[in-house]
Amino acid sequence: MKNFRWTEKIFMFMAGSMYLLVTFWLFWPCTPLVIQESIKILNKDKVVQQGGELIYEVCYDKRVETQISIVKHLVNSYMITYSPVDGNLLYGKGKVKRKMPIPLSADLGKYKMWWTTEVPVNPLRKTLVGAWSEEFEVVAK
């Protein structure tokens, strides 16, 4: 080991540093986004018509400054999945009010919304965050 030249020492130092960095990125516990409570439904009496708009509010604490993509699902006896949408949640604690169209083909009855997003923590890892809404009812138009 005493015959190492200075270039080999630098290489070993850099390799060790990269190993520590990758290990940190992969295994350090991190919560980049926290949904404070269940998602609140703001429609009157928690009722929405087929083809109408569901109005909801999310209280969050975002701890990273990356853009996120949100997927929403309506869950009844089956699941209606919406296309992913870019989430414009600001860094820090906040509340956002959003509208979501209810399809005309949605069955009548009680539903819950499942809201999920993949939040990039670092270049090697993403964390899945999800939250349920309060129950609401879809009625005929």
Foldseek 3Di string as FASTA:
>chain_A
DVPDDPVVVVVVVVVVVVVVVVCCLPDPDDDQKDFPAFKEWDPVVLEAEAQGKTKIKTWMAGADQDKKWKKKWKDDVHIDTDDIDTDDDGHGTDMDIDIDTHHNPDDWFKIKMKMWIWDDPDPPDTDIDIHIHDIGTYDYD
